Amino acid sequence: MNSANNNQDGLKTIKDVYNLLLKEIQVPTLQSIPLDTYQEIAVTLSKLKAQIYEGLEAEVRDRITELVSQTAMLLLERRLQKIMEQQQWKPFRQFSSSQVSLDADYSRLTDEEKYILDAEQDSTKRKGYVLMAALGGRSKILESISSKVRSKQILVRFLEPTEQFIGIDMNKYGPFHKEDVAKLPLENARSLIGSGEAVEINLI
């Protein structure tokens, strides 16, 4: 029976990820981890979930899957926590620089972690722009920001039939059928997503 070998592969992954997590918790600085760590976790979980077992073997598979998932989430959260702590965002820092200074060694980050960090850096810079404009009396900049937000559109997939409506930009949208895909103004899309009528399509 192949289940024993498959379970050993899963247990090995649990041990590997647990050791990475343990070291990350014990050491205050960001640790170097294999750059394909999250990809390997994804492959392992995919294989585990694809296995068809019954009874006790199914319970073991589910438990291994749960342990790998929880350990991976804790690892990512701990590493991101360290990165964010090193940024130490302060309201009156000079935000005009193109990059938020980081003490974290980029070579120690996986591509997935860089993907998340880039979004955090962008958020920090945006906070700075708004503060500088507001505190500096630059209302035109704030008007420009407001205009960009109102004109922003996102891609959504409809989960329910939706009647035609007037968007925040005064354009007509719809009607839409279930599984239709459309690009909508941000405010209208968020309303539909919040009501459960649609979900955002993330193109990454």
N, C-alpha and C. Protein backbone atom coordinates (compact mmCIF):
# COMPACT_ATOMS: atom_id res chain seq x y z
N MET A 1 0.84 -1.20 0.00
CA MET A 1 0.00 0.00 0.00
C MET A 1 0.88 1.25 0.00
N ASN A 2 0.51 2.25 -0.84
CA ASN A 2 1.33 3.44 -0.99
C ASN A 2 1.08 4.49 0.07
N SER A 3 0.05 4.30 0.88
CA SER A 3 -0.32 5.35 1.83
C SER A 3 0.79 5.64 2.82
N ALA A 4 1.53 4.62 3.22
CA ALA A 4 2.59 4.81 4.20
C ALA A 4 3.66 5.75 3.67
N ASN A 5 4.07 5.51 2.40
CA ASN A 5 5.10 6.37 1.81
C ASN A 5 4.60 7.80 1.66
N ASN A 6 3.32 7.92 1.21
CA ASN A 6 2.77 9.25 1.03
C ASN A 6 2.68 9.99 2.36
N ASN A 7 2.29 9.29 3.41
CA ASN A 7 2.19 9.91 4.72
C ASN A 7 3.56 10.32 5.23
N GLN A 8 4.58 9.50 4.93
CA GLN A 8 5.94 9.84 5.36
C GLN A 8 6.40 11.13 4.68
N ASP A 9 6.03 11.28 3.39
CA ASP A 9 6.38 12.52 2.68
C ASP A 9 5.72 13.70 3.37
N GLY A 10 4.44 13.55 3.74
CA GLY A 10 3.75 14.62 4.41
C GLY A 10 4.35 14.94 5.75
N LEU A 11 4.68 13.89 6.53
CA LEU A 11 5.27 14.09 7.84
C LEU A 11 6.63 14.77 7.74
N LYS A 12 7.38 14.42 6.70
CA LYS A 12 8.68 15.05 6.49
C LYS A 12 8.48 16.54 6.24
N THR A 13 7.47 16.89 5.48
CA THR A 13 7.20 18.29 5.20
C THR A 13 6.79 19.02 6.47
N ILE A 14 5.98 18.38 7.29
CA ILE A 14 5.59 18.98 8.56
C ILE A 14 6.83 19.28 9.40
N LYS A 15 7.72 18.31 9.46
CA LYS A 15 8.94 18.49 10.25
C LYS A 15 9.79 19.62 9.69
N ASP A 16 9.94 19.65 8.37
CA ASP A 16 10.76 20.69 7.74
C ASP A 16 10.19 22.08 8.00
N VAL A 17 8.89 22.23 7.79
CA VAL A 17 8.26 23.54 7.97
C VAL A 17 8.26 23.92 9.45
N TYR A 18 8.03 22.94 10.30
CA TYR A 18 8.05 23.20 11.75
C TYR A 18 9.42 23.70 12.19
N ASN A 19 10.49 23.09 11.67
CA ASN A 19 11.85 23.51 12.03
C ASN A 19 12.13 24.94 11.56
N LEU A 20 11.61 25.28 10.38
CA LEU A 20 11.76 26.66 9.89
C LEU A 20 11.02 27.63 10.80
N LEU A 21 9.81 27.25 11.19
CA LEU A 21 9.01 28.10 12.07
C LEU A 21 9.67 28.25 13.44
N LEU A 22 10.17 27.15 13.98
CA LEU A 22 10.81 27.18 15.30
C LEU A 22 12.01 28.11 15.31
N LYS A 23 12.84 28.02 14.28
CA LYS A 23 14.02 28.88 14.19
C LYS A 23 13.61 30.34 14.02
N GLU A 24 12.54 30.58 13.24
CA GLU A 24 12.07 31.95 13.02
C GLU A 24 11.56 32.57 14.31
N ILE A 25 10.97 31.75 15.17
CA ILE A 25 10.46 32.22 16.45
C ILE A 25 11.60 32.48 17.44
N GLN A 26 12.59 31.60 17.41
CA GLN A 26 13.68 31.67 18.39
C GLN A 26 14.68 32.78 18.09
N VAL A 27 14.87 33.11 16.80
CA VAL A 27 15.88 34.09 16.40
C VAL A 27 15.20 35.41 16.02
N PRO A 28 15.67 36.54 16.54
CA PRO A 28 15.00 37.82 16.30
C PRO A 28 15.14 38.34 14.87
N THR A 29 16.19 37.95 14.17
CA THR A 29 16.39 38.44 12.81
C THR A 29 15.73 37.51 11.79
N LEU A 30 15.47 38.06 10.61
CA LEU A 30 14.85 37.27 9.55
C LEU A 30 15.82 36.19 9.08
N GLN A 31 15.33 34.96 9.01
CA GLN A 31 16.18 33.83 8.63
C GLN A 31 16.10 33.53 7.14
N SER A 32 17.16 32.95 6.62
CA SER A 32 17.14 32.49 5.23
C SER A 32 16.40 31.16 5.16
N ILE A 33 15.47 31.07 4.22
CA ILE A 33 14.76 29.81 4.01
C ILE A 33 14.84 29.47 2.53
N PRO A 34 14.63 28.22 2.15
CA PRO A 34 14.65 27.87 0.73
C PRO A 34 13.65 28.74 -0.04
N LEU A 35 14.08 29.28 -1.17
CA LEU A 35 13.24 30.22 -1.91
C LEU A 35 11.97 29.57 -2.46
N ASP A 36 11.97 28.24 -2.56
CA ASP A 36 10.77 27.56 -3.07
C ASP A 36 9.93 26.95 -1.94
N THR A 37 10.12 27.44 -0.71
CA THR A 37 9.42 26.88 0.44
C THR A 37 7.91 26.83 0.24
N TYR A 38 7.29 27.94 -0.11
CA TYR A 38 5.83 28.00 -0.24
C TYR A 38 5.35 27.20 -1.44
N GLN A 39 6.17 27.15 -2.49
CA GLN A 39 5.80 26.35 -3.65
C GLN A 39 5.82 24.86 -3.30
N GLU A 40 6.82 24.45 -2.54
CA GLU A 40 6.90 23.05 -2.11
C GLU A 40 5.74 22.69 -1.20
N ILE A 41 5.35 23.63 -0.34
CA ILE A 41 4.20 23.39 0.54
C ILE A 41 2.94 23.22 -0.30
N ALA A 42 2.79 24.05 -1.33
CA ALA A 42 1.62 23.97 -2.20
C ALA A 42 1.55 22.63 -2.91
N VAL A 43 2.71 22.17 -3.40
CA VAL A 43 2.76 20.87 -4.09
C VAL A 43 2.40 19.74 -3.13
N THR A 44 2.96 19.79 -1.93
CA THR A 44 2.68 18.76 -0.93
C THR A 44 1.20 18.71 -0.59
N LEU A 45 0.60 19.87 -0.34
CA LEU A 45 -0.81 19.91 0.01
C LEU A 45 -1.69 19.44 -1.14
N SER A 46 -1.29 19.79 -2.36
CA SER A 46 -2.04 19.35 -3.53
C SER A 46 -2.04 17.82 -3.63
N LYS A 47 -0.88 17.22 -3.41
CA LYS A 47 -0.77 15.76 -3.47
C LYS A 47 -1.56 15.10 -2.36
N LEU A 48 -1.49 15.68 -1.17
CA LEU A 48 -2.22 15.11 -0.03
C LEU A 48 -3.72 15.14 -0.28
N LYS A 49 -4.22 16.28 -0.77
CA LYS A 49 -5.65 16.42 -0.99
C LYS A 49 -6.15 15.54 -2.13
N ALA A 50 -5.24 15.18 -3.04
CA ALA A 50 -5.63 14.35 -4.17
C ALA A 50 -5.73 12.87 -3.81
N GLN A 51 -5.19 12.49 -2.66
CA GLN A 51 -5.21 11.10 -2.24
C GLN A 51 -6.62 10.72 -1.77
N ILE A 52 -7.08 9.58 -2.23
CA ILE A 52 -8.42 9.11 -1.87
C ILE A 52 -8.31 7.94 -0.91
N TYR A 53 -8.67 8.18 0.33
CA TYR A 53 -8.63 7.15 1.36
C TYR A 53 -9.96 7.09 2.09
N GLU A 54 -10.11 6.10 2.91
CA GLU A 54 -11.31 5.96 3.72
C GLU A 54 -10.92 5.65 5.14
N GLY A 55 -11.83 5.90 6.04
CA GLY A 55 -11.62 5.53 7.43
C GLY A 55 -10.43 6.21 8.07
N LEU A 56 -9.62 5.42 8.76
CA LEU A 56 -8.49 5.94 9.51
C LEU A 56 -7.47 6.62 8.61
N GLU A 57 -7.21 6.03 7.44
CA GLU A 57 -6.24 6.64 6.52
C GLU A 57 -6.69 8.02 6.07
N ALA A 58 -7.98 8.19 5.86
CA ALA A 58 -8.51 9.49 5.48
C ALA A 58 -8.34 10.50 6.61
N GLU A 59 -8.54 10.06 7.83
CA GLU A 59 -8.36 10.94 8.99
C GLU A 59 -6.90 11.37 9.13
N VAL A 60 -5.98 10.42 8.90
CA VAL A 60 -4.56 10.73 8.98
C VAL A 60 -4.18 11.76 7.90
N ARG A 61 -4.68 11.53 6.67
CA ARG A 61 -4.41 12.47 5.58
C ARG A 61 -4.92 13.86 5.92
N ASP A 62 -6.13 13.94 6.43
CA ASP A 62 -6.72 15.24 6.77
C ASP A 62 -5.94 15.94 7.88
N ARG A 63 -5.49 15.16 8.85
CA ARG A 63 -4.73 15.73 9.97
C ARG A 63 -3.38 16.26 9.49
N ILE A 64 -2.72 15.50 8.62
CA ILE A 64 -1.44 15.95 8.07
C ILE A 64 -1.63 17.23 7.27
N THR A 65 -2.68 17.26 6.45
CA THR A 65 -2.99 18.45 5.65
C THR A 65 -3.20 19.66 6.55
N GLU A 66 -3.94 19.47 7.64
CA GLU A 66 -4.22 20.56 8.57
C GLU A 66 -2.94 21.06 9.24
N LEU A 67 -2.08 20.13 9.65
CA LEU A 67 -0.84 20.51 10.33
C LEU A 67 0.10 21.28 9.40
N VAL A 68 0.23 20.80 8.16
CA VAL A 68 1.09 21.49 7.20
C VAL A 68 0.55 22.89 6.95
N SER A 69 -0.76 23.01 6.77
CA SER A 69 -1.39 24.31 6.49
C SER A 69 -1.18 25.29 7.64
N GLN A 70 -1.45 24.84 8.86
CA GLN A 70 -1.32 25.72 10.02
C GLN A 70 0.12 26.15 10.25
N THR A 71 1.05 25.23 10.09
CA THR A 71 2.46 25.55 10.29
C THR A 71 2.94 26.54 9.23
N ALA A 72 2.50 26.34 7.99
CA ALA A 72 2.88 27.25 6.91
C ALA A 72 2.34 28.65 7.16
N MET A 73 1.09 28.76 7.62
CA MET A 73 0.50 30.06 7.90
C MET A 73 1.25 30.78 9.02
N LEU A 74 1.61 30.04 10.05
CA LEU A 74 2.36 30.64 11.16
C LEU A 74 3.74 31.11 10.71
N LEU A 75 4.37 30.33 9.85
CA LEU A 75 5.70 30.70 9.33
C LEU A 75 5.62 32.01 8.55
N LEU A 76 4.65 32.09 7.64
CA LEU A 76 4.51 33.30 6.83
C LEU A 76 4.18 34.50 7.70
N GLU A 77 3.26 34.33 8.65
CA GLU A 77 2.86 35.43 9.52
C GLU A 77 4.04 35.93 10.37
N ARG A 78 4.83 35.01 10.88
CA ARG A 78 5.97 35.40 11.72
C ARG A 78 7.02 36.15 10.91
N ARG A 79 7.29 35.67 9.70
CA ARG A 79 8.30 36.33 8.86
C ARG A 79 7.82 37.72 8.43
N LEU A 80 6.54 37.83 8.09
CA LEU A 80 6.00 39.14 7.71
C LEU A 80 5.99 40.09 8.90
N GLN A 81 5.71 39.55 10.08
CA GLN A 81 5.73 40.37 11.29
C GLN A 81 7.12 40.97 11.51
N LYS A 82 8.15 40.19 11.31
CA LYS A 82 9.52 40.69 11.46
C LYS A 82 9.81 41.79 10.45
N ILE A 83 9.38 41.56 9.21
CA ILE A 83 9.63 42.53 8.16
C ILE A 83 8.95 43.86 8.48
N MET A 84 7.68 43.78 8.90
CA MET A 84 6.92 45.00 9.19
C MET A 84 7.47 45.73 10.41
N GLU A 85 7.95 44.97 11.39
CA GLU A 85 8.53 45.60 12.58
C GLU A 85 9.78 46.38 12.22
N GLN A 86 10.51 45.91 11.22
CA GLN A 86 11.73 46.60 10.81
C GLN A 86 11.43 47.87 10.03
N GLN A 87 10.23 47.95 9.43
CA GLN A 87 9.88 49.17 8.70
C GLN A 87 9.60 50.31 9.66
N GLN A 88 8.92 49.99 10.77
CA GLN A 88 8.61 51.00 11.80
C GLN A 88 8.10 52.29 11.18
N TRP A 89 6.94 52.22 10.54
CA TRP A 89 6.35 53.40 9.88
C TRP A 89 6.04 54.49 10.89
N LYS A 90 6.44 55.72 10.56
CA LYS A 90 6.17 56.87 11.41
C LYS A 90 5.53 57.97 10.57
N PRO A 91 4.49 58.62 11.09
CA PRO A 91 3.75 59.61 10.31
C PRO A 91 4.59 60.74 9.74
N PHE A 92 5.64 61.17 10.43
CA PHE A 92 6.37 62.34 9.97
C PHE A 92 7.71 62.00 9.32
N ARG A 93 7.86 60.73 8.91
CA ARG A 93 9.05 60.36 8.14
C ARG A 93 8.96 61.01 6.77
N GLN A 94 10.06 61.20 6.11
CA GLN A 94 10.04 61.78 4.76
C GLN A 94 9.56 60.72 3.79
N PHE A 95 8.33 60.92 3.28
CA PHE A 95 7.72 59.92 2.41
C PHE A 95 7.98 60.17 0.93
N SER A 96 8.71 61.22 0.63
CA SER A 96 8.92 61.54 -0.78
C SER A 96 9.89 60.58 -1.45
N SER A 97 10.62 59.81 -0.67
CA SER A 97 11.57 58.87 -1.26
C SER A 97 10.83 57.78 -2.01
N SER A 98 11.46 57.25 -3.04
CA SER A 98 10.80 56.26 -3.88
C SER A 98 10.69 54.90 -3.21
N GLN A 99 11.49 54.66 -2.19
CA GLN A 99 11.45 53.39 -1.49
C GLN A 99 11.40 53.62 0.01
N VAL A 100 10.58 52.82 0.69
CA VAL A 100 10.56 52.86 2.14
C VAL A 100 11.76 52.09 2.62
N SER A 101 12.56 52.69 3.50
CA SER A 101 13.77 52.02 3.93
C SER A 101 13.45 50.75 4.69
N LEU A 102 14.23 49.74 4.42
CA LEU A 102 14.05 48.45 5.08
C LEU A 102 15.40 47.95 5.54
N ASP A 103 15.42 47.44 6.77
CA ASP A 103 16.63 46.82 7.28
C ASP A 103 16.68 45.36 6.88
N ALA A 104 15.51 44.79 6.56
CA ALA A 104 15.45 43.38 6.20
C ALA A 104 16.27 43.11 4.95
N ASP A 105 16.99 42.01 4.96
CA ASP A 105 17.81 41.63 3.82
C ASP A 105 16.91 41.00 2.76
N TYR A 106 16.81 41.67 1.61
CA TYR A 106 15.90 41.18 0.57
C TYR A 106 16.27 39.79 0.08
N SER A 107 17.55 39.45 0.18
CA SER A 107 17.97 38.14 -0.31
C SER A 107 17.40 37.01 0.54
N ARG A 108 16.90 37.34 1.72
CA ARG A 108 16.32 36.32 2.61
C ARG A 108 14.82 36.14 2.39
N LEU A 109 14.25 36.94 1.52
CA LEU A 109 12.82 36.85 1.26
C LEU A 109 12.53 35.95 0.07
N THR A 110 11.44 35.21 0.15
CA THR A 110 10.99 34.45 -1.01
C THR A 110 10.26 35.42 -1.94
N ASP A 111 10.02 35.00 -3.18
CA ASP A 111 9.30 35.87 -4.11
C ASP A 111 7.89 36.17 -3.60
N GLU A 112 7.27 35.19 -2.95
CA GLU A 112 5.92 35.41 -2.41
C GLU A 112 5.92 36.46 -1.31
N GLU A 113 6.95 36.45 -0.48
CA GLU A 113 7.07 37.44 0.59
C GLU A 113 7.34 38.83 0.02
N LYS A 114 8.13 38.90 -1.04
CA LYS A 114 8.39 40.18 -1.71
C LYS A 114 7.10 40.73 -2.31
N TYR A 115 6.28 39.84 -2.84
CA TYR A 115 5.00 40.22 -3.43
C TYR A 115 4.12 40.90 -2.39
N ILE A 116 4.08 40.34 -1.19
CA ILE A 116 3.28 40.91 -0.10
C ILE A 116 3.91 42.21 0.39
N LEU A 117 5.23 42.21 0.54
CA LEU A 117 5.93 43.39 1.05
C LEU A 117 5.79 44.58 0.12
N ASP A 118 5.82 44.34 -1.19
CA ASP A 118 5.67 45.43 -2.14
C ASP A 118 4.34 46.15 -1.93
N ALA A 119 3.28 45.38 -1.66
CA ALA A 119 1.97 45.98 -1.43
C ALA A 119 1.98 46.80 -0.14
N GLU A 120 2.68 46.29 0.89
CA GLU A 120 2.77 47.01 2.16
C GLU A 120 3.54 48.32 1.98
N GLN A 121 4.61 48.26 1.19
CA GLN A 121 5.39 49.48 0.93
C GLN A 121 4.55 50.52 0.20
N ASP A 122 3.77 50.04 -0.77
CA ASP A 122 2.91 50.95 -1.52
C ASP A 122 1.88 51.60 -0.60
N SER A 123 1.34 50.82 0.33
CA SER A 123 0.37 51.34 1.29
C SER A 123 1.01 52.42 2.17
N THR A 124 2.25 52.16 2.62
CA THR A 124 2.95 53.13 3.46
C THR A 124 3.20 54.43 2.72
N LYS A 125 3.60 54.33 1.46
CA LYS A 125 3.86 55.54 0.67
C LYS A 125 2.57 56.33 0.45
N ARG A 126 1.48 55.63 0.24
CA ARG A 126 0.20 56.32 0.03
C ARG A 126 -0.21 57.09 1.28
N LYS A 127 0.01 56.48 2.45
CA LYS A 127 -0.29 57.18 3.70
C LYS A 127 0.52 58.48 3.77
N GLY A 128 1.78 58.39 3.35
CA GLY A 128 2.65 59.55 3.38
C GLY A 128 2.17 60.64 2.44
N TYR A 129 1.75 60.26 1.23
CA TYR A 129 1.28 61.25 0.27
C TYR A 129 0.06 61.99 0.80
N VAL A 130 -0.88 61.24 1.39
CA VAL A 130 -2.10 61.86 1.92
C VAL A 130 -1.76 62.81 3.06
N LEU A 131 -0.87 62.36 3.96
CA LEU A 131 -0.48 63.21 5.09
C LEU A 131 0.22 64.48 4.62
N MET A 132 1.15 64.32 3.68
CA MET A 132 1.88 65.50 3.18
C MET A 132 0.93 66.49 2.53
N ALA A 133 -0.03 65.97 1.75
CA ALA A 133 -0.97 66.84 1.07
C ALA A 133 -1.89 67.54 2.07
N ALA A 134 -2.39 66.77 3.04
CA ALA A 134 -3.32 67.34 4.01
C ALA A 134 -2.63 68.36 4.92
N LEU A 135 -1.47 67.97 5.47
CA LEU A 135 -0.76 68.86 6.39
C LEU A 135 -0.10 70.02 5.68
N GLY A 136 0.16 69.84 4.37
CA GLY A 136 0.79 70.92 3.60
C GLY A 136 -0.20 71.80 2.89
N GLY A 137 -1.49 71.55 3.11
CA GLY A 137 -2.51 72.38 2.50
C GLY A 137 -2.62 72.22 0.99
N ARG A 138 -2.24 71.06 0.47
CA ARG A 138 -2.26 70.84 -0.98
C ARG A 138 -3.55 70.12 -1.37
N SER A 139 -4.63 70.86 -1.42
CA SER A 139 -5.95 70.29 -1.69
C SER A 139 -6.05 69.70 -3.10
N LYS A 140 -5.31 70.27 -4.05
CA LYS A 140 -5.37 69.78 -5.43
C LYS A 140 -4.87 68.33 -5.51
N ILE A 141 -3.85 68.01 -4.71
CA ILE A 141 -3.34 66.64 -4.69
C ILE A 141 -4.40 65.70 -4.15
N LEU A 142 -5.09 66.13 -3.10
CA LEU A 142 -6.15 65.30 -2.52
C LEU A 142 -7.31 65.13 -3.49
N GLU A 143 -7.61 66.17 -4.24
CA GLU A 143 -8.66 66.08 -5.26
C GLU A 143 -8.27 65.07 -6.34
N SER A 144 -6.98 65.08 -6.70
CA SER A 144 -6.48 64.14 -7.71
C SER A 144 -6.58 62.70 -7.21
N ILE A 145 -6.24 62.51 -5.93
CA ILE A 145 -6.33 61.18 -5.33
C ILE A 145 -7.78 60.71 -5.34
N SER A 146 -8.69 61.61 -4.95
CA SER A 146 -10.11 61.29 -4.93
C SER A 146 -10.61 60.91 -6.32
N SER A 147 -10.14 61.64 -7.32
CA SER A 147 -10.55 61.37 -8.70
C SER A 147 -10.07 59.99 -9.16
N LYS A 148 -8.84 59.64 -8.77
CA LYS A 148 -8.30 58.33 -9.14
C LYS A 148 -9.10 57.20 -8.51
N VAL A 149 -9.47 57.38 -7.24
CA VAL A 149 -10.25 56.35 -6.55
C VAL A 149 -11.60 56.17 -7.22
N ARG A 150 -12.24 57.27 -7.57
CA ARG A 150 -13.57 57.20 -8.18
C ARG A 150 -13.53 56.61 -9.59
N SER A 151 -12.40 56.76 -10.27
CA SER A 151 -12.30 56.25 -11.64
C SER A 151 -11.73 54.83 -11.70
N LYS A 152 -11.25 54.32 -10.57
CA LYS A 152 -10.65 52.99 -10.56
C LYS A 152 -11.71 51.92 -10.79
N GLN A 153 -11.36 50.91 -11.59
CA GLN A 153 -12.27 49.80 -11.85
C GLN A 153 -11.58 48.48 -11.52
N ILE A 154 -12.38 47.50 -11.13
CA ILE A 154 -11.85 46.16 -10.86
C ILE A 154 -12.71 45.12 -11.59
N LEU A 155 -12.11 43.97 -11.80
CA LEU A 155 -12.77 42.89 -12.52
C LEU A 155 -13.51 41.99 -11.53
N VAL A 156 -14.77 41.69 -11.82
CA VAL A 156 -15.55 40.83 -10.93
C VAL A 156 -16.25 39.73 -11.73
N ARG A 157 -16.60 38.67 -11.01
CA ARG A 157 -17.40 37.58 -11.58
C ARG A 157 -18.70 37.51 -10.80
N PHE A 158 -19.81 37.49 -11.51
CA PHE A 158 -21.12 37.51 -10.86
C PHE A 158 -21.53 36.11 -10.39
N LEU A 159 -22.01 36.06 -9.17
CA LEU A 159 -22.48 34.80 -8.58
C LEU A 159 -23.99 34.66 -8.69
N GLU A 160 -24.65 35.79 -8.94
CA GLU A 160 -26.10 35.81 -9.06
C GLU A 160 -26.49 36.73 -10.22
N PRO A 161 -27.67 36.50 -10.82
CA PRO A 161 -28.15 37.43 -11.85
C PRO A 161 -28.32 38.82 -11.23
N THR A 162 -27.92 39.86 -11.93
CA THR A 162 -27.98 41.22 -11.41
C THR A 162 -28.58 42.15 -12.45
N GLU A 163 -29.55 42.94 -12.02
CA GLU A 163 -30.21 43.87 -12.94
C GLU A 163 -29.28 45.03 -13.32
N GLN A 164 -29.65 45.70 -14.38
CA GLN A 164 -28.87 46.86 -14.83
C GLN A 164 -28.87 47.94 -13.75
N PHE A 165 -27.73 48.63 -13.60
CA PHE A 165 -27.65 49.70 -12.62
C PHE A 165 -26.77 50.84 -13.16
N ILE A 166 -26.90 51.99 -12.51
CA ILE A 166 -26.10 53.16 -12.86
C ILE A 166 -24.88 53.19 -11.95
N GLY A 167 -23.70 53.19 -12.52
CA GLY A 167 -22.48 53.20 -11.73
C GLY A 167 -22.18 54.56 -11.15
N ILE A 168 -21.19 54.60 -10.26
CA ILE A 168 -20.79 55.87 -9.63
C ILE A 168 -20.27 56.85 -10.66
N ASP A 169 -19.87 56.32 -11.84
CA ASP A 169 -19.39 57.18 -12.92
C ASP A 169 -20.53 57.60 -13.86
N MET A 170 -21.78 57.26 -13.46
CA MET A 170 -22.99 57.60 -14.19
C MET A 170 -23.18 56.81 -15.48
N ASN A 171 -22.38 55.77 -15.69
CA ASN A 171 -22.55 54.89 -16.83
C ASN A 171 -23.45 53.72 -16.45
N LYS A 172 -24.11 53.13 -17.45
CA LYS A 172 -24.99 51.99 -17.21
C LYS A 172 -24.18 50.68 -17.27
N TYR A 173 -24.49 49.77 -16.37
CA TYR A 173 -23.82 48.46 -16.34
C TYR A 173 -24.89 47.37 -16.22
N GLY A 174 -24.69 46.30 -17.00
CA GLY A 174 -25.62 45.18 -16.92
C GLY A 174 -26.76 45.30 -17.92
N PRO A 175 -27.74 44.40 -17.78
CA PRO A 175 -27.87 43.36 -16.73
C PRO A 175 -26.82 42.25 -16.89
N PHE A 176 -26.57 41.53 -15.79
CA PHE A 176 -25.58 40.47 -15.80
C PHE A 176 -26.22 39.14 -15.41
N HIS A 177 -25.70 38.08 -16.01
CA HIS A 177 -26.12 36.73 -15.67
C HIS A 177 -25.09 36.08 -14.75
N LYS A 178 -25.47 35.01 -14.10
CA LYS A 178 -24.54 34.27 -13.25
C LYS A 178 -23.33 33.83 -14.07
N GLU A 179 -22.14 34.01 -13.52
CA GLU A 179 -20.85 33.67 -14.13
C GLU A 179 -20.37 34.70 -15.16
N ASP A 180 -21.14 35.77 -15.37
CA ASP A 180 -20.65 36.84 -16.24
C ASP A 180 -19.46 37.52 -15.57
N VAL A 181 -18.55 38.05 -16.39
CA VAL A 181 -17.39 38.78 -15.90
C VAL A 181 -17.46 40.20 -16.43
N ALA A 182 -17.20 41.17 -15.57
CA ALA A 182 -17.27 42.57 -15.99
C ALA A 182 -16.30 43.43 -15.19
N LYS A 183 -15.91 44.54 -15.80
CA LYS A 183 -15.06 45.51 -15.13
C LYS A 183 -15.95 46.64 -14.65
N LEU A 184 -15.96 46.88 -13.33
CA LEU A 184 -16.87 47.85 -12.73
C LEU A 184 -16.12 48.88 -11.91
N PRO A 185 -16.74 50.06 -11.70
CA PRO A 185 -16.14 51.05 -10.79
C PRO A 185 -15.94 50.43 -9.41
N LEU A 186 -14.86 50.80 -8.76
CA LEU A 186 -14.48 50.21 -7.48
C LEU A 186 -15.62 50.25 -6.46
N GLU A 187 -16.28 51.40 -6.30
CA GLU A 187 -17.32 51.53 -5.29
C GLU A 187 -18.49 50.59 -5.56
N ASN A 188 -18.90 50.50 -6.82
CA ASN A 188 -20.01 49.61 -7.17
C ASN A 188 -19.61 48.15 -7.00
N ALA A 189 -18.38 47.84 -7.39
CA ALA A 189 -17.90 46.46 -7.26
C ALA A 189 -17.87 46.03 -5.81
N ARG A 190 -17.39 46.91 -4.93
CA ARG A 190 -17.32 46.57 -3.51
C ARG A 190 -18.71 46.32 -2.93
N SER A 191 -19.67 47.08 -3.39
CA SER A 191 -21.05 46.90 -2.92
C SER A 191 -21.58 45.53 -3.32
N LEU A 192 -21.32 45.14 -4.57
CA LEU A 192 -21.78 43.83 -5.07
C LEU A 192 -21.04 42.69 -4.37
N ILE A 193 -19.76 42.89 -4.13
CA ILE A 193 -18.97 41.87 -3.43
C ILE A 193 -19.46 41.73 -2.00
N GLY A 194 -19.75 42.86 -1.37
CA GLY A 194 -20.23 42.84 0.01
C GLY A 194 -21.57 42.16 0.16
N SER A 195 -22.42 42.26 -0.86
CA SER A 195 -23.74 41.64 -0.81
C SER A 195 -23.72 40.18 -1.24
N GLY A 196 -22.55 39.72 -1.70
CA GLY A 196 -22.44 38.33 -2.11
C GLY A 196 -22.89 38.07 -3.54
N GLU A 197 -23.14 39.14 -4.29
CA GLU A 197 -23.59 38.98 -5.68
C GLU A 197 -22.44 38.75 -6.64
N ALA A 198 -21.23 39.11 -6.22
CA ALA A 198 -20.07 38.97 -7.10
C ALA A 198 -18.81 38.76 -6.28
N VAL A 199 -17.76 38.31 -6.94
CA VAL A 199 -16.45 38.15 -6.31
C VAL A 199 -15.41 38.82 -7.20
N GLU A 200 -14.37 39.36 -6.57
CA GLU A 200 -13.30 39.99 -7.34
C GLU A 200 -12.43 38.95 -8.01
N ILE A 201 -12.04 39.24 -9.24
CA ILE A 201 -11.09 38.38 -9.96
C ILE A 201 -9.71 39.02 -9.82
N ASN A 202 -8.83 38.34 -9.13
CA ASN A 202 -7.47 38.86 -8.89
C ASN A 202 -6.54 38.31 -9.97
N LEU A 203 -6.06 39.19 -10.82
CA LEU A 203 -5.17 38.78 -11.91
C LEU A 203 -3.71 38.71 -11.49
N ILE A 204 -3.39 39.14 -10.27
CA ILE A 204 -2.03 39.12 -9.75
C ILE A 204 -1.10 39.84 -10.70
